[in-house]
Amino acid sequence: MPPVHGRLVAKAVGNAVDLHLPVPVANMTHGGGLGLSQIICTAANARAADGKQPPDVNVRAYEEGYGTPWTIRCNAAGNVVRVPDPSVTVR
């Protein structure tokens, strides 16, 4: 992962974590998304202190330059899985 300049902020909000990324994800994933997965899983594990398991913690990622977050979870294997938007109907 190339150097990321700026401040990454993670904050527990209710039953989720809001993760504010200082740059767009596309700029962070050169060579794969391993670094991003580690950041997301670390945030999910930190929030798990209240008894929730990391796979049950929603992490809402806010990318620099984008207003709407996307929601992901860290599964039991340590992989990042996107959580579908419940307001979107799949036909």
Protein backbone atom coordinates (compact mmCIF):
# COMPACT_ATOMS: atom_id res chain seq x y z
CA MET A 1 0.00 0.00 0.00
CA PRO A 2 1.43 3.41 -0.88
CA PRO A 3 1.81 5.98 1.89
CA VAL A 4 -1.48 7.54 2.93
CA HIS A 5 -1.25 11.18 3.93
CA GLY A 6 -3.94 12.54 6.15
CA ARG A 7 -5.76 11.42 9.22
CA LEU A 8 -7.76 8.21 9.43
CA VAL A 9 -10.54 8.50 12.03
CA ALA A 10 -12.62 5.64 13.44
CA LYS A 11 -15.45 6.33 15.87
CA ALA A 12 -17.95 3.94 17.45
CA VAL A 13 -21.51 5.12 16.71
CA GLY A 14 -24.25 2.92 18.12
CA ASN A 15 -23.69 -0.63 16.91
CA ALA A 16 -21.32 0.41 14.12
CA VAL A 17 -18.02 2.13 13.44
CA ASP A 18 -17.74 5.20 11.24
CA LEU A 19 -14.39 5.04 9.46
CA HIS A 20 -13.26 8.25 7.75
CA LEU A 21 -10.53 7.58 5.20
CA PRO A 22 -8.22 10.47 4.23
CA VAL A 23 -8.06 9.42 0.55
CA PRO A 24 -10.28 7.50 -1.88
CA VAL A 25 -10.01 3.73 -1.58
CA ALA A 26 -8.78 3.49 -5.18
CA ASN A 27 -5.65 5.38 -4.08
CA MET A 28 -5.08 2.95 -1.19
CA THR A 29 -5.40 -0.40 -2.95
CA HIS A 30 -2.45 -0.53 -5.36
CA GLY A 31 -1.35 -4.16 -5.34
CA GLY A 32 -4.53 -5.38 -3.62
CA GLY A 33 -6.75 -4.39 -0.74
CA LEU A 34 -4.81 -6.09 2.07
CA GLY A 35 -4.02 -2.81 3.85
CA LEU A 36 -7.62 -1.65 3.60
CA SER A 37 -8.86 -5.01 4.90
CA GLN A 38 -6.53 -4.70 7.87
CA ILE A 39 -7.82 -1.21 8.67
CA ILE A 40 -11.47 -2.32 8.46
CA CYS A 41 -10.93 -5.48 10.51
CA THR A 42 -8.99 -3.54 13.15
CA ALA A 43 -11.91 -1.10 13.46
CA ALA A 44 -14.40 -3.99 13.74
CA ASN A 45 -12.29 -5.74 16.39
CA ALA A 46 -11.90 -2.58 18.44
CA ARG A 47 -15.67 -2.11 18.49
CA ALA A 48 -16.18 -5.75 19.47
CA ALA A 49 -15.20 -4.94 23.06
CA ASP A 50 -18.89 -4.62 24.02
CA GLY A 51 -19.44 -8.32 23.35
CA LYS A 52 -20.18 -8.18 19.62
CA GLN A 53 -18.06 -10.37 17.42
CA PRO A 54 -16.21 -8.58 14.59
CA PRO A 55 -18.36 -10.22 11.85
CA ASP A 56 -21.42 -8.57 13.50
CA VAL A 57 -19.97 -5.04 13.47
CA ASN A 58 -20.89 -2.78 10.57
CA VAL A 59 -18.07 -0.48 9.49
CA ARG A 60 -19.27 2.52 7.48
CA ALA A 61 -16.41 3.76 5.31
CA TYR A 62 -16.41 7.40 4.29
CA GLU A 63 -13.96 8.15 1.49
CA GLU A 64 -12.41 11.56 0.97
CA GLY A 65 -14.37 13.27 -1.81
CA TYR A 66 -17.49 11.06 -1.52
CA GLY A 67 -20.50 11.94 0.64
CA THR A 68 -22.21 8.57 0.99
CA PRO A 69 -20.48 5.81 2.99
CA TRP A 70 -20.42 2.15 2.08
CA THR A 71 -20.92 -0.50 4.73
CA ILE A 72 -18.61 -3.47 5.17
CA ARG A 73 -17.92 -6.17 7.71
CA CYS A 74 -14.87 -8.21 8.56
CA ASN A 75 -15.79 -11.90 8.40
CA ALA A 76 -14.40 -14.63 10.68
CA ALA A 77 -11.58 -15.33 8.18
CA GLY A 78 -10.45 -11.68 8.27
CA ASN A 79 -11.81 -10.85 4.83
CA VAL A 80 -13.84 -7.75 4.05
CA VAL A 81 -17.43 -8.34 2.91
CA ARG A 82 -19.67 -5.56 1.61
CA VAL A 83 -23.05 -5.27 3.34
CA PRO A 84 -25.84 -4.71 0.83
CA ASP A 85 -27.83 -1.51 1.21
CA PRO A 86 -31.22 -2.56 2.65
CA SER A 87 -32.93 0.33 0.87
CA VAL A 88 -31.94 -1.04 -2.56
CA THR A 89 -34.32 -3.61 -4.02
CA VAL A 90 -32.63 -6.35 -6.02
CA ARG A 91 -34.83 -7.84 -8.75
